[in-house]
C-alpha atoms as a PDB file:
ATOM      1  CA  MET A   1     -44.458  15.350  88.077  1.00  0.00           C
ATOM      2  CA  GLY A   2     -41.515  14.417  85.861  1.00  0.00           C
ATOM      3  CA  GLN A   3     -41.202  11.483  83.497  1.00  0.00           C
ATOM      4  CA  LEU A   4     -38.198  10.187  85.440  1.00  0.00           C
ATOM      5  CA  ASP A   5     -39.159  10.923  89.036  1.00  0.00           C
ATOM      6  CA  GLY A   6     -37.249   8.691  91.434  1.00  0.00           C
ATOM      7  CA  LYS A   7     -34.921   7.205  88.836  1.00  0.00           C
ATOM      8  CA  VAL A   8     -31.117   7.182  89.026  1.00  0.00           C
ATOM      9  CA  ALA A   9     -29.215   7.353  85.748  1.00  0.00           C
ATOM     10  CA  VAL A  10     -25.628   6.962  84.618  1.00  0.00           C
ATOM     11  CA  ILE A  11     -24.831   8.923  81.456  1.00  0.00           C
ATOM     12  CA  THR A  12     -21.474   8.612  79.719  1.00  0.00           C
ATOM     13  CA  GLY A  13     -19.875  11.329  77.625  1.00  0.00           C
ATOM     14  CA  ALA A  14     -21.928  13.850  79.581  1.00  0.00           C
ATOM     15  CA  ALA A  15     -19.493  16.757  79.807  1.00  0.00           C
ATOM     16  CA  ARG A  16     -20.777  18.441  76.658  1.00  0.00           C
ATOM     17  CA  GLY A  17     -22.895  18.061  73.560  1.00  0.00           C
ATOM     18  CA  GLN A  18     -25.570  15.408  73.418  1.00  0.00           C
ATOM     19  CA  GLY A  19     -24.599  13.827  76.737  1.00  0.00           C
ATOM     20  CA  GLU A  20     -24.835  17.157  78.528  1.00  0.00           C
ATOM     21  CA  ALA A  21     -28.261  17.785  76.988  1.00  0.00           C
ATOM     22  CA  GLU A  22     -29.416  14.349  78.128  1.00  0.00           C
ATOM     23  CA  ALA A  23     -28.180  14.978  81.665  1.00  0.00           C
ATOM     24  CA  ARG A  24     -29.975  18.311  81.874  1.00  0.00           C
ATOM     25  CA  LEU A  25     -33.214  16.851  80.541  1.00  0.00           C
ATOM     26  CA  PHE A  26     -33.013  13.909  82.945  1.00  0.00           C
ATOM     27  CA  VAL A  27     -32.680  16.225  85.927  1.00  0.00           C
ATOM     28  CA  GLU A  28     -35.531  18.395  84.648  1.00  0.00           C
ATOM     29  CA  GLU A  29     -37.673  15.252  84.514  1.00  0.00           C
ATOM     30  CA  GLY A  30     -36.908  14.287  88.098  1.00  0.00           C
ATOM     31  CA  ALA A  31     -33.940  11.926  87.805  1.00  0.00           C
ATOM     32  CA  ARG A  32     -30.706  11.976  89.728  1.00  0.00           C
ATOM     33  CA  VAL A  33     -27.723  11.566  87.456  1.00  0.00           C
ATOM     34  CA  VAL A  34     -24.098  10.491  87.555  1.00  0.00           C
ATOM     35  CA  LEU A  35     -22.237  12.137  84.688  1.00  0.00           C
ATOM     36  CA  GLY A  36     -19.175  10.383  83.339  1.00  0.00           C
ATOM     37  CA  ASP A  37     -16.490  11.715  80.993  1.00  0.00           C
ATOM     38  CA  VAL A  38     -12.763  12.240  80.588  1.00  0.00           C
ATOM     39  CA  LEU A  39     -13.219  16.006  80.187  1.00  0.00           C
ATOM     40  CA  ASP A  40     -13.100  16.628  83.906  1.00  0.00           C
ATOM     41  CA  ASP A  41     -13.324  20.415  84.050  1.00  0.00           C
ATOM     42  CA  LEU A  42     -16.347  20.541  81.752  1.00  0.00           C
ATOM     43  CA  GLY A  43     -18.016  17.602  83.444  1.00  0.00           C
ATOM     44  CA  LYS A  44     -17.646  19.087  86.912  1.00  0.00           C
ATOM     45  CA  GLN A  45     -19.112  22.377  85.688  1.00  0.00           C
ATOM     46  CA  VAL A  46     -22.167  20.631  84.247  1.00  0.00           C
ATOM     47  CA  ALA A  47     -22.720  18.602  87.424  1.00  0.00           C
ATOM     48  CA  GLU A  48     -22.350  21.669  89.648  1.00  0.00           C
ATOM     49  CA  SER A  49     -24.881  23.566  87.541  1.00  0.00           C
ATOM     50  CA  LEU A  50     -27.397  20.755  88.144  1.00  0.00           C
ATOM     51  CA  GLY A  51     -27.134  20.948  91.925  1.00  0.00           C
ATOM     52  CA  ASP A  52     -27.717  18.077  94.329  1.00  0.00           C
ATOM     53  CA  ALA A  53     -29.352  15.938  91.634  1.00  0.00           C
ATOM     54  CA  ALA A  54     -26.044  15.308  89.857  1.00  0.00           C
ATOM     55  CA  VAL A  55     -22.503  14.192  90.537  1.00  0.00           C
ATOM     56  CA  TYR A  56     -19.555  13.910  88.186  1.00  0.00           C
ATOM     57  CA  ALA A  57     -17.050  11.053  87.976  1.00  0.00           C
ATOM     58  CA  HIS A  58     -13.997  10.709  85.754  1.00  0.00           C
ATOM     59  CA  HIS A  59     -14.793   7.749  83.553  1.00  0.00           C
ATOM     60  CA  ASP A  60     -12.991   5.911  80.760  1.00  0.00           C
ATOM     61  CA  VAL A  61     -15.624   3.788  79.032  1.00  0.00           C
ATOM     62  CA  SER A  62     -13.000   1.507  77.495  1.00  0.00           C
ATOM     63  CA  ASP A  63     -11.739   0.385  80.917  1.00  0.00           C
ATOM     64  CA  SER A  64     -13.566  -2.250  82.962  1.00  0.00           C
ATOM     65  CA  THR A  65     -12.194  -0.999  86.287  1.00  0.00           C
ATOM     66  CA  SER A  66     -13.420   2.495  85.514  1.00  0.00           C
ATOM     67  CA  TRP A  67     -16.871   1.040  84.847  1.00  0.00           C
ATOM     68  CA  SER A  68     -16.920  -0.761  88.196  1.00  0.00           C
ATOM     69  CA  GLU A  69     -16.004   2.504  89.903  1.00  0.00           C
ATOM     70  CA  MET A  70     -18.694   4.387  87.983  1.00  0.00           C
ATOM     71  CA  ILE A  71     -21.480   2.033  89.052  1.00  0.00           C
ATOM     72  CA  ALA A  72     -20.182   2.057  92.627  1.00  0.00           C
ATOM     73  CA  THR A  73     -20.244   5.866  92.601  1.00  0.00           C
ATOM     74  CA  ALA A  74     -23.867   5.875  91.475  1.00  0.00           C
ATOM     75  CA  GLU A  75     -24.941   3.387  94.130  1.00  0.00           C
ATOM     76  CA  SER A  76     -23.018   5.247  96.821  1.00  0.00           C
ATOM     77  CA  ALA A  77     -24.392   8.649  95.856  1.00  0.00           C
ATOM     78  CA  PHE A  78     -27.995   7.720  95.071  1.00  0.00           C
ATOM     79  CA  GLY A  79     -28.542   4.148  96.251  1.00  0.00           C
ATOM     80  CA  LYS A  80     -29.243   2.372  92.975  1.00  0.00           C
ATOM     81  CA  VAL A  81     -29.042   2.504  89.173  1.00  0.00           C
ATOM     82  CA  ASP A  82     -32.215   2.439  87.069  1.00  0.00           C
ATOM     83  CA  VAL A  83     -30.954   3.836  83.763  1.00  0.00           C
ATOM     84  CA  LEU A  84     -27.746   3.639  81.757  1.00  0.00           C
ATOM     85  CA  VAL A  85     -27.222   5.837  78.725  1.00  0.00           C
ATOM     86  CA  ASN A  86     -24.216   4.648  76.733  1.00  0.00           C
ATOM     87  CA  ASN A  87     -23.653   7.974  75.035  1.00  0.00           C
ATOM     88  CA  ALA A  88     -19.860   8.375  74.889  1.00  0.00           C
ATOM     89  CA  GLY A  89     -18.350   8.124  71.427  1.00  0.00           C
ATOM     90  CA  ILE A  90     -15.662   9.458  69.133  1.00  0.00           C
ATOM     91  CA  LEU A  91     -15.327   9.963  65.400  1.00  0.00           C
ATOM     92  CA  ARG A  92     -12.157   9.392  63.391  1.00  0.00           C
ATOM     93  CA  VAL A  93     -12.327  10.102  59.670  1.00  0.00           C
ATOM     94  CA  GLY A  94     -10.061   8.177  57.314  1.00  0.00           C
ATOM     95  CA  MET A  95     -10.241   5.938  54.284  1.00  0.00           C
ATOM     96  CA  ILE A  96      -9.622   2.240  54.866  1.00  0.00           C
ATOM     97  CA  ALA A  97      -6.468   2.416  52.781  1.00  0.00           C
ATOM     98  CA  ASP A  98      -5.030   5.142  54.993  1.00  0.00           C
ATOM     99  CA  MET A  99      -6.319   4.459  58.509  1.00  0.00           C
ATOM    100  CA  THR A 100      -3.911   2.819  60.920  1.00  0.00           C
ATOM    101  CA  VAL A 101      -4.905  -0.163  63.019  1.00  0.00           C
ATOM    102  CA  GLU A 102      -4.336   1.965  66.122  1.00  0.00           C
ATOM    103  CA  GLU A 103      -6.794   4.622  64.902  1.00  0.00           C
ATOM    104  CA  TYR A 104      -9.372   1.985  64.046  1.00  0.00           C
ATOM    105  CA  GLN A 105      -9.038   0.219  67.379  1.00  0.00           C
ATOM    106  CA  GLN A 106      -9.342   3.484  69.320  1.00  0.00           C
ATOM    107  CA  VAL A 107     -12.797   4.037  67.844  1.00  0.00           C
ATOM    108  CA  ILE A 108     -13.822   0.443  68.510  1.00  0.00           C
ATOM    109  CA  ALA A 109     -12.555   0.604  72.106  1.00  0.00           C
ATOM    110  CA  ILE A 110     -14.702   3.608  72.973  1.00  0.00           C
ATOM    111  CA  ASN A 111     -17.760   3.268  70.731  1.00  0.00           C
ATOM    112  CA  GLN A 112     -18.164  -0.513  70.816  1.00  0.00           C
ATOM    113  CA  THR A 113     -16.257  -2.075  73.707  1.00  0.00           C
ATOM    114  CA  GLY A 114     -17.374   0.795  75.932  1.00  0.00           C
ATOM    115  CA  VAL A 115     -21.021  -0.077  75.302  1.00  0.00           C
ATOM    116  CA  PHE A 116     -20.372  -3.773  75.961  1.00  0.00           C
ATOM    117  CA  LEU A 117     -18.605  -3.011  79.240  1.00  0.00           C
ATOM    118  CA  GLY A 118     -21.348  -0.619  80.273  1.00  0.00           C
ATOM    119  CA  MET A 119     -24.091  -3.182  79.801  1.00  0.00           C
ATOM    120  CA  GLN A 120     -22.058  -5.884  81.509  1.00  0.00           C
ATOM    121  CA  SER A 121     -21.150  -3.666  84.462  1.00  0.00           C
ATOM    122  CA  VAL A 122     -24.605  -2.259  85.152  1.00  0.00           C
ATOM    123  CA  LEU A 123     -26.429  -5.596  85.033  1.00  0.00           C
ATOM    124  CA  PRO A 124     -25.918  -6.558  88.709  1.00  0.00           C
ATOM    125  CA  ALA A 125     -27.000  -3.086  89.892  1.00  0.00           C
ATOM    126  CA  MET A 126     -30.147  -3.180  87.779  1.00  0.00           C
ATOM    127  CA  GLN A 127     -30.944  -6.685  88.967  1.00  0.00           C
ATOM    128  CA  LYS A 128     -30.763  -5.396  92.549  1.00  0.00           C
ATOM    129  CA  ALA A 129     -32.992  -2.461  91.599  1.00  0.00           C
ATOM    130  CA  GLY A 130     -35.587  -4.823  90.146  1.00  0.00           C
ATOM    131  CA  GLY A 131     -35.128  -3.743  86.541  1.00  0.00           C
ATOM    132  CA  GLY A 132     -34.062  -0.820  84.431  1.00  0.00           C
ATOM    133  CA  SER A 133     -33.542   0.711  81.026  1.00  0.00           C
ATOM    134  CA  ILE A 134     -30.380   0.823  78.938  1.00  0.00           C
ATOM    135  CA  VAL A 135     -30.225   3.247  76.030  1.00  0.00           C
ATOM    136  CA  ASN A 136     -27.338   2.729  73.625  1.00  0.00           C
ATOM    137  CA  ILE A 137     -26.562   5.649  71.343  1.00  0.00           C
ATOM    138  CA  SER A 138     -25.792   4.335  67.866  1.00  0.00           C
ATOM    139  CA  SER A 139     -26.212   6.306  64.628  1.00  0.00           C
ATOM    140  CA  ILE A 140     -27.720   6.060  61.184  1.00  0.00           C
ATOM    141  CA  GLY A 141     -24.171   4.887  60.539  1.00  0.00           C
ATOM    142  CA  GLY A 142     -25.465   1.676  62.083  1.00  0.00           C
ATOM    143  CA  PHE A 143     -27.659   1.197  59.008  1.00  0.00           C
ATOM    144  CA  ALA A 144     -25.533   2.365  56.080  1.00  0.00           C
ATOM    145  CA  GLY A 145     -21.925   2.813  55.089  1.00  0.00           C
ATOM    146  CA  VAL A 146     -20.173   6.159  54.741  1.00  0.00           C
ATOM    147  CA  ALA A 147     -16.897   6.559  52.870  1.00  0.00           C
ATOM    148  CA  GLY A 148     -14.086   7.564  55.185  1.00  0.00           C
ATOM    149  CA  MET A 149     -15.900   6.416  58.317  1.00  0.00           C
ATOM    150  CA  SER A 150     -15.329   2.656  58.399  1.00  0.00           C
ATOM    151  CA  ALA A 151     -14.329   2.488  62.062  1.00  0.00           C
ATOM    152  CA  TYR A 152     -17.247   4.620  63.213  1.00  0.00           C
ATOM    153  CA  VAL A 153     -19.754   2.748  61.054  1.00  0.00           C
ATOM    154  CA  ALA A 154     -18.419  -0.631  62.196  1.00  0.00           C
ATOM    155  CA  SER A 155     -18.790   0.408  65.822  1.00  0.00           C
ATOM    156  CA  LYS A 156     -22.337   1.692  65.334  1.00  0.00           C
ATOM    157  CA  PHE A 157     -23.454  -1.459  63.498  1.00  0.00           C
ATOM    158  CA  ALA A 158     -22.028  -3.387  66.451  1.00  0.00           C
ATOM    159  CA  VAL A 159     -23.960  -1.286  68.963  1.00  0.00           C
ATOM    160  CA  ARG A 160     -27.153  -1.982  67.041  1.00  0.00           C
ATOM    161  CA  GLY A 161     -26.488  -5.728  67.151  1.00  0.00           C
ATOM    162  CA  MET A 162     -25.350  -5.863  70.777  1.00  0.00           C
ATOM    163  CA  THR A 163     -28.504  -4.013  71.787  1.00  0.00           C
ATOM    164  CA  LYS A 164     -30.660  -6.803  70.385  1.00  0.00           C
ATOM    165  CA  CYS A 165     -28.585  -9.503  72.093  1.00  0.00           C
ATOM    166  CA  ALA A 166     -28.725  -7.672  75.417  1.00  0.00           C
ATOM    167  CA  ALA A 167     -32.483  -7.176  75.125  1.00  0.00           C
ATOM    168  CA  ILE A 168     -32.907 -10.947  74.847  1.00  0.00           C
ATOM    169  CA  GLU A 169     -30.520 -11.728  77.693  1.00  0.00           C
ATOM    170  CA  PHE A 170     -31.649  -8.946  80.054  1.00  0.00           C
ATOM    171  CA  GLY A 171     -35.398  -9.155  79.431  1.00  0.00           C
ATOM    172  CA  PRO A 172     -35.994 -11.815  82.113  1.00  0.00           C
ATOM    173  CA  HIS A 173     -34.511  -9.356  84.629  1.00  0.00           C
ATOM    174  CA  ASN A 174     -37.025  -6.651  83.645  1.00  0.00           C
ATOM    175  CA  ILE A 175     -34.273  -4.657  81.943  1.00  0.00           C
ATOM    176  CA  ARG A 176     -35.089  -3.031  78.628  1.00  0.00           C
ATOM    177  CA  VAL A 177     -32.360  -2.304  76.076  1.00  0.00           C
ATOM    178  CA  ASN A 178     -32.863  -0.070  73.034  1.00  0.00           C
ATOM    179  CA  SER A 179     -30.701   1.813  70.573  1.00  0.00           C
ATOM    180  CA  VAL A 180     -31.067   5.389  69.339  1.00  0.00           C
ATOM    181  CA  HIS A 181     -29.868   6.320  65.857  1.00  0.00           C
ATOM    182  CA  PRO A 182     -29.369  10.045  65.273  1.00  0.00           C
ATOM    183  CA  GLY A 183     -28.746  11.279  61.763  1.00  0.00           C
ATOM    184  CA  GLY A 184     -26.487  14.081  62.883  1.00  0.00           C
ATOM    185  CA  VAL A 185     -26.431  16.272  65.963  1.00  0.00           C
ATOM    186  CA  ASP A 186     -25.015  19.780  66.227  1.00  0.00           C
ATOM    187  CA  THR A 187     -22.306  18.994  68.770  1.00  0.00           C
ATOM    188  CA  PRO A 188     -18.549  19.576  69.060  1.00  0.00           C
ATOM    189  CA  MET A 189     -17.873  16.018  67.833  1.00  0.00           C
ATOM    190  CA  LEU A 190     -19.493  16.736  64.491  1.00  0.00           C
ATOM    191  CA  HIS A 191     -18.470  20.383  64.219  1.00  0.00           C
ATOM    192  CA  PRO A 192     -15.200  20.966  66.073  1.00  0.00           C
ATOM    193  CA  LEU A 193     -15.600  24.727  65.798  1.00  0.00           C
ATOM    194  CA  ASP A 194     -16.920  27.475  68.026  1.00  0.00           C
ATOM    195  CA  GLY A 195     -19.613  30.086  67.935  1.00  0.00           C
ATOM    196  CA  ALA A 196     -20.593  31.532  64.571  1.00  0.00           C
ATOM    197  CA  GLU A 197     -18.232  29.255  62.640  1.00  0.00           C
ATOM    198  CA  ARG A 198     -19.912  26.167  64.076  1.00  0.00           C
ATOM    199  CA  ALA A 199     -23.393  27.531  63.413  1.00  0.00           C
ATOM    200  CA  GLN A 200     -22.462  28.292  59.832  1.00  0.00           C
ATOM    201  CA  ALA A 201     -21.004  24.809  59.331  1.00  0.00           C
ATOM    202  CA  ALA A 202     -24.152  23.217  60.708  1.00  0.00           C
ATOM    203  CA  GLY A 203     -26.282  25.085  58.205  1.00  0.00           C
ATOM    204  CA  THR A 204     -24.204  24.560  55.093  1.00  0.00           C
ATOM    205  CA  THR A 205     -23.581  20.825  55.001  1.00  0.00           C
ATOM    206  CA  MET A 206     -25.329  17.738  53.687  1.00  0.00           C
ATOM    207  CA  TYR A 207     -28.093  18.411  56.195  1.00  0.00           C
ATOM    208  CA  ASP A 208     -29.536  20.966  53.811  1.00  0.00           C
ATOM    209  CA  SER A 209     -30.819  18.020  51.762  1.00  0.00           C
ATOM    210  CA  VAL A 210     -32.431  16.211  54.713  1.00  0.00           C
ATOM    211  CA  PRO A 211     -36.253  16.226  54.376  1.00  0.00           C
ATOM    212  CA  LEU A 212     -36.528  18.425  57.471  1.00  0.00           C
ATOM    213  CA  GLY A 213     -33.804  20.645  56.052  1.00  0.00           C
ATOM    214  CA  ARG A 214     -31.517  20.882  59.064  1.00  0.00           C
ATOM    215  CA  ILE A 215     -29.281  19.123  61.536  1.00  0.00           C
ATOM    216  CA  SER A 216     -30.799  18.146  64.889  1.00  0.00           C
ATOM    217  CA  GLU A 217     -30.239  19.873  68.207  1.00  0.00           C
ATOM    218  CA  PRO A 218     -28.890  17.776  71.121  1.00  0.00           C
ATOM    219  CA  ALA A 219     -32.107  18.160  73.122  1.00  0.00           C
ATOM    220  CA  GLU A 220     -34.134  16.637  70.276  1.00  0.00           C
ATOM    221  CA  ILE A 221     -32.204  13.392  70.686  1.00  0.00           C
ATOM    222  CA  GLY A 222     -32.267  13.807  74.444  1.00  0.00           C
ATOM    223  CA  ASN A 223     -36.056  13.904  74.493  1.00  0.00           C
ATOM    224  CA  LEU A 224     -36.148  10.519  72.780  1.00  0.00           C
ATOM    225  CA  VAL A 225     -33.676   9.133  75.311  1.00  0.00           C
ATOM    226  CA  VAL A 226     -35.858  10.440  78.158  1.00  0.00           C
ATOM    227  CA  PHE A 227     -38.829   8.572  76.698  1.00  0.00           C
ATOM    228  CA  LEU A 228     -36.912   5.303  76.435  1.00  0.00           C
ATOM    229  CA  ALA A 229     -35.647   5.673  79.993  1.00  0.00           C
ATOM    230  CA  SER A 230     -39.151   6.321  81.300  1.00  0.00           C
ATOM    231  CA  ASP A 231     -41.939   3.951  82.239  1.00  0.00           C
ATOM    232  CA  ALA A 232     -43.874   5.239  79.218  1.00  0.00           C
ATOM    233  CA  ALA A 233     -41.604   2.965  77.129  1.00  0.00           C
ATOM    234  CA  SER A 234     -42.299  -0.067  79.312  1.00  0.00           C
ATOM    235  CA  TYR A 235     -42.900  -2.448  76.384  1.00  0.00           C
ATOM    236  CA  CYS A 236     -40.064  -1.197  74.181  1.00  0.00           C
ATOM    237  CA  THR A 237     -36.965  -3.358  74.071  1.00  0.00           C
ATOM    238  CA  GLY A 238     -34.548  -4.638  71.458  1.00  0.00           C
ATOM    239  CA  SER A 239     -35.669  -1.876  69.121  1.00  0.00           C
ATOM    240  CA  GLU A 240     -34.055   0.824  67.006  1.00  0.00           C
ATOM    241  CA  PHE A 241     -35.297   4.380  67.330  1.00  0.00           C
ATOM    242  CA  ILE A 242     -34.252   6.603  64.435  1.00  0.00           C
ATOM    243  CA  ALA A 243     -34.105  10.381  64.781  1.00  0.00           C
ATOM    244  CA  ASP A 244     -32.566  11.573  61.533  1.00  0.00           C
ATOM    245  CA  GLY A 245     -34.890  14.204  60.116  1.00  0.00           C
ATOM    246  CA  GLY A 246     -35.817  11.750  57.374  1.00  0.00           C
ATOM    247  CA  MET A 247     -32.256  11.255  56.113  1.00  0.00           C
ATOM    248  CA  LEU A 248     -32.556   7.491  55.655  1.00  0.00           C
ATOM    249  CA  SER A 249     -35.825   7.865  53.783  1.00  0.00           C
ATOM    250  CA  ARG A 250     -34.125   9.512  50.825  1.00  0.00           C
ATOM    251  CA  ILE A 251     -32.793   7.423  47.928  1.00  0.00           C
ATOM    252  CA  ALA A 252     -30.137   9.155  45.860  1.00  0.00           C
ATOM    253  CA  MET A 253     -31.003   9.087  42.156  1.00  0.00           C
ATOM    254  CA  GLY A 254     -28.981  10.190  39.223  1.00  0.00           C
END
């Protein structure tokens, strides 16, 4: 018996990395999943590898029409929506003095507006289903600033705040809303390299100084998302779940 038996989930940014790991874990735990992304070839491959329990849909999280189509696809394929994982996100590095407005707004559109649209769009489906769970992927960047990452940090602070507002508004509908805050995950977004080069980069960065001494694997975050999507988390809402290897516990001295 799986933790997610009978549940139907929509997962954004599921063509690779953390989203792919979440999709695979969800299916392993008994869920049926609609994977959304703009990387169509990769997304279709992941869905096909998961068999009848998964379908792929091209999905632009920054577009409200695309969201309506995504929810409709889930209801058509599997009859309902119980879980939404707002996982899609991008990272653009640049100092405030150098970043263009267009670059800033691109990050906000995907990381922040995409989460807002996802919660707004899935609400009617979850009301029909009698409740549900929304898991918004934020970051430890939703707790502290990082030089050169103002757009990303702003978006992740916003996700943290929107999660709390949604938990209050959606609670009467038996819909739980929580945020997950990874401290760094070994995915293509963080390490845009391949093979040995990526593995070497993951082991020779600031993560060496994390109390656990390493960067996290996508499945480690995915396991937390599975818990929050499951009935085992039935009294968890409006909360922040940090999975950072202890990174935020360290105070720099010197």
